């Protein structure tokens, strides 16, 4: 979807998901293959989500990570942009 591999089930409005994927693609476009995304990559996506969809977004970007989390309904997405996995979720 929109150039990303979106994991199902995804609990996010389609327009919001599309915009978040497009922002992640923009942020990660210059990441060399095999490179680890940085904290700055995650911060840029988080700032976008906070500005567009309200505060309290959490974003993790990387090639290898595990997570166990609770999120607000309709505010969770996990997808891949190239080799980088992106987890975006909103919490209270």
PDB file of N, CA and C in Angstrom:
ATOM      1  N   UNK A   1       0.841  -1.182   0.000  1.00  0.00           N
ATOM      2  CA  UNK A   1       0.000   0.000   0.000  1.00  0.00           C
ATOM      3  C   UNK A   1       0.882   1.241   0.000  1.00  0.00           C
ATOM      4  N   UNK A   2       0.730   2.041  -0.996  1.00  0.00           N
ATOM      5  CA  UNK A   2       1.455   3.307  -1.111  1.00  0.00           C
ATOM      6  C   UNK A   2       2.968   3.112  -1.044  1.00  0.00           C
ATOM      7  N   UNK A   3       3.439   2.005  -1.540  1.00  0.00           N
ATOM      8  CA  UNK A   3       4.874   1.749  -1.572  1.00  0.00           C
ATOM      9  C   UNK A   3       5.432   1.153  -0.298  1.00  0.00           C
ATOM     10  N   UNK A   4       4.560   0.708   0.602  1.00  0.00           N
ATOM     11  CA  UNK A   4       5.000   0.089   1.852  1.00  0.00           C
ATOM     12  C   UNK A   4       4.297  -1.253   2.012  1.00  0.00           C
ATOM     13  N   UNK A   5       4.906  -2.126   2.791  1.00  0.00           N
ATOM     14  CA  UNK A   5       4.286  -3.405   3.126  1.00  0.00           C
ATOM     15  C   UNK A   5       3.609  -3.226   4.482  1.00  0.00           C
ATOM     16  N   UNK A   6       2.289  -3.111   4.478  1.00  0.00           N
ATOM     17  CA  UNK A   6       1.525  -2.861   5.701  1.00  0.00           C
ATOM     18  C   UNK A   6       1.114  -4.193   6.310  1.00  0.00           C
ATOM     19  N   UNK A   7       1.435  -4.381   7.593  1.00  0.00           N
ATOM     20  CA  UNK A   7       1.054  -5.601   8.295  1.00  0.00           C
ATOM     21  C   UNK A   7      -0.415  -5.532   8.684  1.00  0.00           C
ATOM     22  N   UNK A   8      -1.086  -6.654   8.545  1.00  0.00           N
ATOM     23  CA  UNK A   8      -2.506  -6.749   8.853  1.00  0.00           C
ATOM     24  C   UNK A   8      -2.649  -7.597  10.101  1.00  0.00           C
ATOM     25  N   UNK A   9      -3.519  -7.283  11.058  1.00  0.00           N
ATOM     26  CA  UNK A   9      -4.483  -6.185  10.963  1.00  0.00           C
ATOM     27  C   UNK A   9      -3.846  -4.847  11.319  1.00  0.00           C
ATOM     28  N   UNK A  10      -4.325  -3.832  10.690  1.00  0.00           N
ATOM     29  CA  UNK A  10      -3.899  -2.458  10.945  1.00  0.00           C
ATOM     30  C   UNK A  10      -5.098  -1.731  11.539  1.00  0.00           C
ATOM     31  N   UNK A  11      -4.904  -1.036  12.628  1.00  0.00           N
ATOM     32  CA  UNK A  11      -6.006  -0.353  13.302  1.00  0.00           C
ATOM     33  C   UNK A  11      -5.830   1.156  13.143  1.00  0.00           C
ATOM     34  N   UNK A  12      -6.024   1.636  11.905  1.00  0.00           N
ATOM     35  CA  UNK A  12      -5.852   3.056  11.618  1.00  0.00           C
ATOM     36  C   UNK A  12      -6.717   3.415  10.413  1.00  0.00           C
ATOM     37  N   UNK A  13      -7.295   4.591  10.450  1.00  0.00           N
ATOM     38  CA  UNK A  13      -8.054   5.121   9.325  1.00  0.00           C
ATOM     39  C   UNK A  13      -7.175   5.115   8.071  1.00  0.00           C
ATOM     40  N   UNK A  14      -7.746   4.756   6.932  1.00  0.00           N
ATOM     41  CA  UNK A  14      -6.959   4.627   5.696  1.00  0.00           C
ATOM     42  C   UNK A  14      -6.267   5.921   5.280  1.00  0.00           C
ATOM     43  N   UNK A  15      -6.927   7.062   5.406  1.00  0.00           N
ATOM     44  CA  UNK A  15      -6.278   8.331   5.052  1.00  0.00           C
ATOM     45  C   UNK A  15      -5.102   8.621   5.979  1.00  0.00           C
ATOM     46  N   UNK A  16      -5.299   8.374   7.259  1.00  0.00           N
ATOM     47  CA  UNK A  16      -4.236   8.586   8.239  1.00  0.00           C
ATOM     48  C   UNK A  16      -3.074   7.633   7.963  1.00  0.00           C
ATOM     49  N   UNK A  17      -3.377   6.379   7.662  1.00  0.00           N
ATOM     50  CA  UNK A  17      -2.340   5.403   7.339  1.00  0.00           C
ATOM     51  C   UNK A  17      -1.570   5.833   6.095  1.00  0.00           C
ATOM     52  N   UNK A  18      -2.278   6.232   5.063  1.00  0.00           N
ATOM     53  CA  UNK A  18      -1.639   6.672   3.819  1.00  0.00           C
ATOM     54  C   UNK A  18      -0.686   7.834   4.081  1.00  0.00           C
ATOM     55  N   UNK A  19      -1.134   8.825   4.842  1.00  0.00           N
ATOM     56  CA  UNK A  19      -0.298   9.988   5.135  1.00  0.00           C
ATOM     57  C   UNK A  19       0.922   9.615   5.973  1.00  0.00           C
ATOM     58  N   UNK A  20       0.742   8.710   6.928  1.00  0.00           N
ATOM     59  CA  UNK A  20       1.855   8.275   7.775  1.00  0.00           C
ATOM     60  C   UNK A  20       2.876   7.481   6.957  1.00  0.00           C
ATOM     61  N   UNK A  21       2.404   6.603   6.085  1.00  0.00           N
ATOM     62  CA  UNK A  21       3.303   5.846   5.204  1.00  0.00           C
ATOM     63  C   UNK A  21       4.072   6.797   4.296  1.00  0.00           C
ATOM     64  N   UNK A  22       3.382   7.761   3.709  1.00  0.00           N
ATOM     65  CA  UNK A  22       4.052   8.705   2.811  1.00  0.00           C
ATOM     66  C   UNK A  22       5.103   9.528   3.541  1.00  0.00           C
ATOM     67  N   UNK A  23       4.814   9.939   4.784  1.00  0.00           N
ATOM     68  CA  UNK A  23       5.807  10.675   5.571  1.00  0.00           C
ATOM     69  C   UNK A  23       7.005   9.782   5.883  1.00  0.00           C
ATOM     70  N   UNK A  24       6.756   8.538   6.265  1.00  0.00           N
ATOM     71  CA  UNK A  24       7.851   7.616   6.564  1.00  0.00           C
ATOM     72  C   UNK A  24       8.714   7.386   5.325  1.00  0.00           C
ATOM     73  N   UNK A  25       8.096   7.230   4.163  1.00  0.00           N
ATOM     74  CA  UNK A  25       8.863   7.069   2.923  1.00  0.00           C
ATOM     75  C   UNK A  25       9.735   8.289   2.667  1.00  0.00           C
ATOM     76  N   UNK A  26       9.190   9.469   2.888  1.00  0.00           N
ATOM     77  CA  UNK A  26       9.959  10.711   2.703  1.00  0.00           C
ATOM     78  C   UNK A  26      11.154  10.756   3.652  1.00  0.00           C
ATOM     79  N   UNK A  27      10.912  10.435   4.921  1.00  0.00           N
ATOM     80  CA  UNK A  27      11.957  10.494   5.945  1.00  0.00           C
ATOM     81  C   UNK A  27      13.051   9.453   5.679  1.00  0.00           C
ATOM     82  N   UNK A  28      12.664   8.281   5.198  1.00  0.00           N
ATOM     83  CA  UNK A  28      13.608   7.174   5.033  1.00  0.00           C
ATOM     84  C   UNK A  28      14.184   7.051   3.625  1.00  0.00           C
ATOM     85  N   UNK A  29      13.825   7.945   2.728  1.00  0.00           N
ATOM     86  CA  UNK A  29      14.210   7.797   1.322  1.00  0.00           C
ATOM     87  C   UNK A  29      15.719   7.752   1.079  1.00  0.00           C
ATOM     88  N   UNK A  30      16.510   8.413   1.888  1.00  0.00           N
ATOM     89  CA  UNK A  30      17.960   8.449   1.672  1.00  0.00           C
ATOM     90  C   UNK A  30      18.727   7.458   2.540  1.00  0.00           C
ATOM     91  N   UNK A  31      18.009   6.585   3.253  1.00  0.00           N
ATOM     92  CA  UNK A  31      18.664   5.592   4.104  1.00  0.00           C
ATOM     93  C   UNK A  31      19.303   4.515   3.221  1.00  0.00           C
ATOM     94  N   UNK A  32      20.630   4.364   3.292  1.00  0.00           N
ATOM     95  CA  UNK A  32      21.292   3.351   2.453  1.00  0.00           C
ATOM     96  C   UNK A  32      20.829   1.935   2.825  1.00  0.00           C
ATOM     97  N   UNK A  33      20.732   1.028   1.859  1.00  0.00           N
ATOM     98  CA  UNK A  33      20.354  -0.357   2.147  1.00  0.00           C
ATOM     99  C   UNK A  33      21.268  -0.964   3.208  1.00  0.00           C
ATOM    100  N   UNK A  34      20.676  -1.683   4.145  1.00  0.00           N
ATOM    101  CA  UNK A  34      21.437  -2.318   5.211  1.00  0.00           C
ATOM    102  C   UNK A  34      21.738  -1.417   6.386  1.00  0.00           C
ATOM    103  N   UNK A  35      21.425  -0.128   6.292  1.00  0.00           N
ATOM    104  CA  UNK A  35      21.690   0.820   7.381  1.00  0.00           C
ATOM    105  C   UNK A  35      20.548   0.817   8.386  1.00  0.00           C
ATOM    106  N   UNK A  36      20.900   1.099   9.624  1.00  0.00           N
ATOM    107  CA  UNK A  36      19.890   1.211  10.677  1.00  0.00           C
ATOM    108  C   UNK A  36      19.297   2.615  10.676  1.00  0.00           C
ATOM    109  N   UNK A  37      17.983   2.718  10.741  1.00  0.00           N
ATOM    110  CA  UNK A  37      17.371   4.037  10.928  1.00  0.00           C
ATOM    111  C   UNK A  37      17.810   4.603  12.280  1.00  0.00           C
ATOM    112  N   UNK A  38      17.742   5.908  12.417  1.00  0.00           N
ATOM    113  CA  UNK A  38      18.185   6.569  13.642  1.00  0.00           C
ATOM    114  C   UNK A  38      16.997   7.105  14.437  1.00  0.00           C
ATOM    115  N   UNK A  39      17.307   7.581  15.623  1.00  0.00           N
ATOM    116  CA  UNK A  39      16.299   8.212  16.466  1.00  0.00           C
ATOM    117  C   UNK A  39      15.689   9.413  15.750  1.00  0.00           C
ATOM    118  N   UNK A  40      16.474  10.107  14.961  1.00  0.00           N
ATOM    119  CA  UNK A  40      15.978  11.273  14.224  1.00  0.00           C
ATOM    120  C   UNK A  40      14.904  10.881  13.208  1.00  0.00           C
ATOM    121  N   UNK A  41      15.061   9.738  12.577  1.00  0.00           N
ATOM    122  CA  UNK A  41      14.026   9.266  11.649  1.00  0.00           C
ATOM    123  C   UNK A  41      12.696   9.095  12.389  1.00  0.00           C
ATOM    124  N   UNK A  42      12.751   8.417  13.539  1.00  0.00           N
ATOM    125  CA  UNK A  42      11.533   8.204  14.328  1.00  0.00           C
ATOM    126  C   UNK A  42      10.958   9.530  14.818  1.00  0.00           C
ATOM    127  N   UNK A  43      11.825  10.449  15.237  1.00  0.00           N
ATOM    128  CA  UNK A  43      11.366  11.747  15.749  1.00  0.00           C
ATOM    129  C   UNK A  43      10.619  12.543  14.679  1.00  0.00           C
ATOM    130  N   UNK A  44      11.090  12.489  13.447  1.00  0.00           N
ATOM    131  CA  UNK A  44      10.417  13.229  12.370  1.00  0.00           C
ATOM    132  C   UNK A  44       9.024  12.667  12.089  1.00  0.00           C
ATOM    133  N   UNK A  45       8.895  11.344  12.110  1.00  0.00           N
ATOM    134  CA  UNK A  45       7.583  10.725  11.884  1.00  0.00           C
ATOM    135  C   UNK A  45       6.660  11.020  13.061  1.00  0.00           C
ATOM    136  N   UNK A  46       7.186  10.952  14.282  1.00  0.00           N
ATOM    137  CA  UNK A  46       6.391  11.263  15.473  1.00  0.00           C
ATOM    138  C   UNK A  46       5.889  12.700  15.430  1.00  0.00           C
ATOM    139  N   UNK A  47       6.755  13.629  15.096  1.00  0.00           N
ATOM    140  CA  UNK A  47       6.363  15.038  15.027  1.00  0.00           C
ATOM    141  C   UNK A  47       5.243  15.236  14.002  1.00  0.00           C
ATOM    142  N   UNK A  48       5.354  14.571  12.870  1.00  0.00           N
ATOM    143  CA  UNK A  48       4.307  14.643  11.845  1.00  0.00           C
ATOM    144  C   UNK A  48       2.976  14.138  12.405  1.00  0.00           C
ATOM    145  N   UNK A  49       2.995  12.974  13.050  1.00  0.00           N
ATOM    146  CA  UNK A  49       1.761  12.405  13.610  1.00  0.00           C
ATOM    147  C   UNK A  49       1.189  13.291  14.712  1.00  0.00           C
ATOM    148  N   UNK A  50       2.047  13.807  15.594  1.00  0.00           N
ATOM    149  CA  UNK A  50       1.583  14.715  16.651  1.00  0.00           C
ATOM    150  C   UNK A  50       0.922  15.952  16.056  1.00  0.00           C
ATOM    151  N   UNK A  51       1.539  16.532  15.048  1.00  0.00           N
ATOM    152  CA  UNK A  51       1.013  17.754  14.427  1.00  0.00           C
ATOM    153  C   UNK A  51      -0.297  17.503  13.688  1.00  0.00           C
ATOM    154  N   UNK A  52      -0.398  16.384  13.014  1.00  0.00           N
ATOM    155  CA  UNK A  52      -1.574  16.108  12.178  1.00  0.00           C
ATOM    156  C   UNK A  52      -2.727  15.446  12.927  1.00  0.00           C
ATOM    157  N   UNK A  53      -2.412  14.607  13.919  1.00  0.00           N
ATOM    158  CA  UNK A  53      -3.447  13.765  14.526  1.00  0.00           C
ATOM    159  C   UNK A  53      -3.535  13.878  16.045  1.00  0.00           C
ATOM    160  N   UNK A  54      -2.936  14.915  16.616  1.00  0.00           N
ATOM    161  CA  UNK A  54      -2.985  15.102  18.061  1.00  0.00           C
ATOM    162  C   UNK A  54      -1.774  14.485  18.747  1.00  0.00           C
ATOM    163  N   UNK A  55      -1.551  14.897  19.971  1.00  0.00           N
ATOM    164  CA  UNK A  55      -0.352  14.488  20.718  1.00  0.00           C
ATOM    165  C   UNK A  55      -0.396  13.034  21.181  1.00  0.00           C
ATOM    166  N   UNK A  56       0.701  12.630  21.765  1.00  0.00           N
ATOM    167  CA  UNK A  56       0.908  11.327  22.406  1.00  0.00           C
ATOM    168  C   UNK A  56       1.181  10.180  21.444  1.00  0.00           C
ATOM    169  N   UNK A  57       1.791  10.480  20.287  1.00  0.00           N
ATOM    170  CA  UNK A  57       2.196   9.420  19.366  1.00  0.00           C
ATOM    171  C   UNK A  57       3.546   8.860  19.798  1.00  0.00           C
ATOM    172  N   UNK A  58       3.711   7.572  19.608  1.00  0.00           N
ATOM    173  CA  UNK A  58       4.974   6.881  19.841  1.00  0.00           C
ATOM    174  C   UNK A  58       5.377   6.262  18.502  1.00  0.00           C
ATOM    175  N   UNK A  59       6.635   6.396  18.130  1.00  0.00           N
ATOM    176  CA  UNK A  59       7.109   5.847  16.858  1.00  0.00           C
ATOM    177  C   UNK A  59       8.431   5.114  17.089  1.00  0.00           C
ATOM    178  N   UNK A  60       8.502   3.903  16.570  1.00  0.00           N
ATOM    179  CA  UNK A  60       9.726   3.109  16.608  1.00  0.00           C
ATOM    180  C   UNK A  60      10.069   2.775  15.161  1.00  0.00           C
ATOM    181  N   UNK A  61      11.325   3.003  14.781  1.00  0.00           N
ATOM    182  CA  UNK A  61      11.783   2.688  13.431  1.00  0.00           C
ATOM    183  C   UNK A  61      13.075   1.888  13.559  1.00  0.00           C
ATOM    184  N   UNK A  62      13.147   0.759  12.887  1.00  0.00           N
ATOM    185  CA  UNK A  62      14.361  -0.040  12.959  1.00  0.00           C
ATOM    186  C   UNK A  62      14.284  -1.264  12.078  1.00  0.00           C
ATOM    187  N   UNK A  63      15.358  -2.016  12.093  1.00  0.00           N
ATOM    188  CA  UNK A  63      15.393  -3.255  11.317  1.00  0.00           C
ATOM    189  C   UNK A  63      15.155  -4.464  12.200  1.00  0.00           C
ATOM    190  N   UNK A  64      15.425  -4.335  13.499  1.00  0.00           N
ATOM    191  CA  UNK A  64      15.259  -5.449  14.434  1.00  0.00           C
ATOM    192  C   UNK A  64      14.768  -4.889  15.762  1.00  0.00           C
ATOM    193  N   UNK A  65      13.527  -5.149  16.106  1.00  0.00           N
ATOM    194  CA  UNK A  65      13.035  -4.760  17.427  1.00  0.00           C
ATOM    195  C   UNK A  65      11.801  -5.573  17.770  1.00  0.00           C
ATOM    196  N   UNK A  66      11.544  -5.667  19.045  1.00  0.00           N
ATOM    197  CA  UNK A  66      10.323  -6.294  19.541  1.00  0.00           C
ATOM    198  C   UNK A  66       9.586  -5.275  20.378  1.00  0.00           C
ATOM    199  N   UNK A  67       8.295  -5.452  20.499  1.00  0.00           N
ATOM    200  CA  UNK A  67       7.512  -4.495  21.272  1.00  0.00           C
ATOM    201  C   UNK A  67       6.256  -5.165  21.806  1.00  0.00           C
ATOM    202  N   UNK A  68       5.839  -4.729  22.962  1.00  0.00           N
ATOM    203  CA  UNK A  68       4.557  -5.120  23.548  1.00  0.00           C
ATOM    204  C   UNK A  68       3.937  -3.820  24.021  1.00  0.00           C
ATOM    205  N   UNK A  69       2.771  -3.469  23.507  1.00  0.00           N
ATOM    206  CA  UNK A  69       2.230  -2.151  23.820  1.00  0.00           C
ATOM    207  C   UNK A  69       0.709  -2.152  23.824  1.00  0.00           C
ATOM    208  N   UNK A  70       0.164  -1.105  24.405  1.00  0.00           N
ATOM    209  CA  UNK A  70      -1.270  -0.829  24.394  1.00  0.00           C
ATOM    210  C   UNK A  70      -1.435   0.495  23.663  1.00  0.00           C
ATOM    211  N   UNK A  71      -2.457   0.590  22.816  1.00  0.00           N
ATOM    212  CA  UNK A  71      -2.641   1.802  22.016  1.00  0.00           C
ATOM    213  C   UNK A  71      -4.094   2.236  22.027  1.00  0.00           C
ATOM    214  N   UNK A  72      -4.318   3.491  21.662  1.00  0.00           N
ATOM    215  CA  UNK A  72      -5.678   3.991  21.483  1.00  0.00           C
ATOM    216  C   UNK A  72      -6.300   3.292  20.278  1.00  0.00           C
ATOM    217  N   UNK A  73      -7.591   3.021  20.354  1.00  0.00           N
ATOM    218  CA  UNK A  73      -8.303   2.411  19.232  1.00  0.00           C
ATOM    219  C   UNK A  73      -8.174   3.290  17.992  1.00  0.00           C
ATOM    220  N   UNK A  74      -7.996   2.656  16.855  1.00  0.00           N
ATOM    221  CA  UNK A  74      -7.890   3.330  15.555  1.00  0.00           C
ATOM    222  C   UNK A  74      -6.624   4.169  15.405  1.00  0.00           C
ATOM    223  N   UNK A  75      -5.595   3.873  16.193  1.00  0.00           N
ATOM    224  CA  UNK A  75      -4.350   4.638  16.135  1.00  0.00           C
ATOM    225  C   UNK A  75      -3.127   3.724  16.255  1.00  0.00           C
ATOM    226  N   UNK A  76      -3.064   2.705  15.391  1.00  0.00           N
ATOM    227  CA  UNK A  76      -1.945   1.764  15.403  1.00  0.00           C
ATOM    228  C   UNK A  76      -1.644   1.315  13.979  1.00  0.00           C
ATOM    229  N   UNK A  77      -0.370   1.364  13.609  1.00  0.00           N
ATOM    230  CA  UNK A  77       0.058   0.836  12.313  1.00  0.00           C
ATOM    231  C   UNK A  77       1.469   0.278  12.435  1.00  0.00           C
ATOM    232  N   UNK A  78       1.695  -0.813  11.729  1.00  0.00           N
ATOM    233  CA  UNK A  78       3.021  -1.414  11.625  1.00  0.00           C
ATOM    234  C   UNK A  78       3.238  -1.720  10.152  1.00  0.00           C
ATOM    235  N   UNK A  79       4.321  -1.174   9.600  1.00  0.00           N
ATOM    236  CA  UNK A  79       4.577  -1.365   8.181  1.00  0.00           C
ATOM    237  C   UNK A  79       6.071  -1.288   7.899  1.00  0.00           C
ATOM    238  N   UNK A  80       6.441  -1.746   6.712  1.00  0.00           N
ATOM    239  CA  UNK A  80       7.826  -1.702   6.261  1.00  0.00           C
ATOM    240  C   UNK A  80       7.968  -0.726   5.106  1.00  0.00           C
ATOM    241  N   UNK A  81       9.013   0.085   5.180  1.00  0.00           N
ATOM    242  CA  UNK A  81       9.444   0.921   4.063  1.00  0.00           C
ATOM    243  C   UNK A  81      10.831   0.399   3.711  1.00  0.00           C
ATOM    244  N   UNK A  82      10.927  -0.339   2.624  1.00  0.00           N
ATOM    245  CA  UNK A  82      12.182  -1.015   2.314  1.00  0.00           C
ATOM    246  C   UNK A  82      12.491  -2.019   3.408  1.00  0.00           C
ATOM    247  N   UNK A  83      13.685  -1.934   3.975  1.00  0.00           N
ATOM    248  CA  UNK A  83      14.103  -2.845   5.045  1.00  0.00           C
ATOM    249  C   UNK A  83      13.730  -2.333   6.431  1.00  0.00           C
ATOM    250  N   UNK A  84      13.267  -1.099   6.524  1.00  0.00           N
ATOM    251  CA  UNK A  84      12.979  -0.488   7.825  1.00  0.00           C
ATOM    252  C   UNK A  84      11.537  -0.744   8.238  1.00  0.00           C
ATOM    253  N   UNK A  85      11.373  -1.258   9.449  1.00  0.00           N
ATOM    254  CA  UNK A  85      10.043  -1.433  10.022  1.00  0.00           C
ATOM    255  C   UNK A  85       9.663  -0.147  10.748  1.00  0.00           C
ATOM    256  N   UNK A  86       8.393   0.237  10.629  1.00  0.00           N
ATOM    257  CA  UNK A  86       7.890   1.438  11.292  1.00  0.00           C
ATOM    258  C   UNK A  86       6.676   1.045  12.123  1.00  0.00           C
ATOM    259  N   UNK A  87       6.722   1.356  13.403  1.00  0.00           N
ATOM    260  CA  UNK A  87       5.590   1.167  14.301  1.00  0.00           C
ATOM    261  C   UNK A  87       5.144   2.553  14.737  1.00  0.00           C
ATOM    262  N   UNK A  88       3.896   2.893  14.475  1.00  0.00           N
ATOM    263  CA  UNK A  88       3.340   4.187  14.886  1.00  0.00           C
ATOM    264  C   UNK A  88       2.061   3.914  15.660  1.00  0.00           C
ATOM    265  N   UNK A  89       1.971   4.462  16.876  1.00  0.00           N
ATOM    266  CA  UNK A  89       0.787   4.261  17.690  1.00  0.00           C
ATOM    267  C   UNK A  89       0.574   5.459  18.592  1.00  0.00           C
ATOM    268  N   UNK A  90      -0.678   5.687  18.944  1.00  0.00           N
ATOM    269  CA  UNK A  90      -0.985   6.781  19.864  1.00  0.00           C
ATOM    270  C   UNK A  90      -1.430   6.189  21.185  1.00  0.00           C
ATOM    271  N   UNK A  91      -0.949   6.802  22.269  1.00  0.00           N
ATOM    272  CA  UNK A  91      -1.307   6.388  23.621  1.00  0.00           C
ATOM    273  C   UNK A  91      -1.904   7.576  24.356  1.00  0.00           C
ATOM    274  N   UNK A  92      -2.505   7.296  25.483  1.00  0.00           N
ATOM    275  CA  UNK A  92      -3.089   8.389  26.270  1.00  0.00           C
ATOM    276  C   UNK A  92      -2.074   8.998  27.192  1.00  0.00           C
TER     277      UNK A  92
END
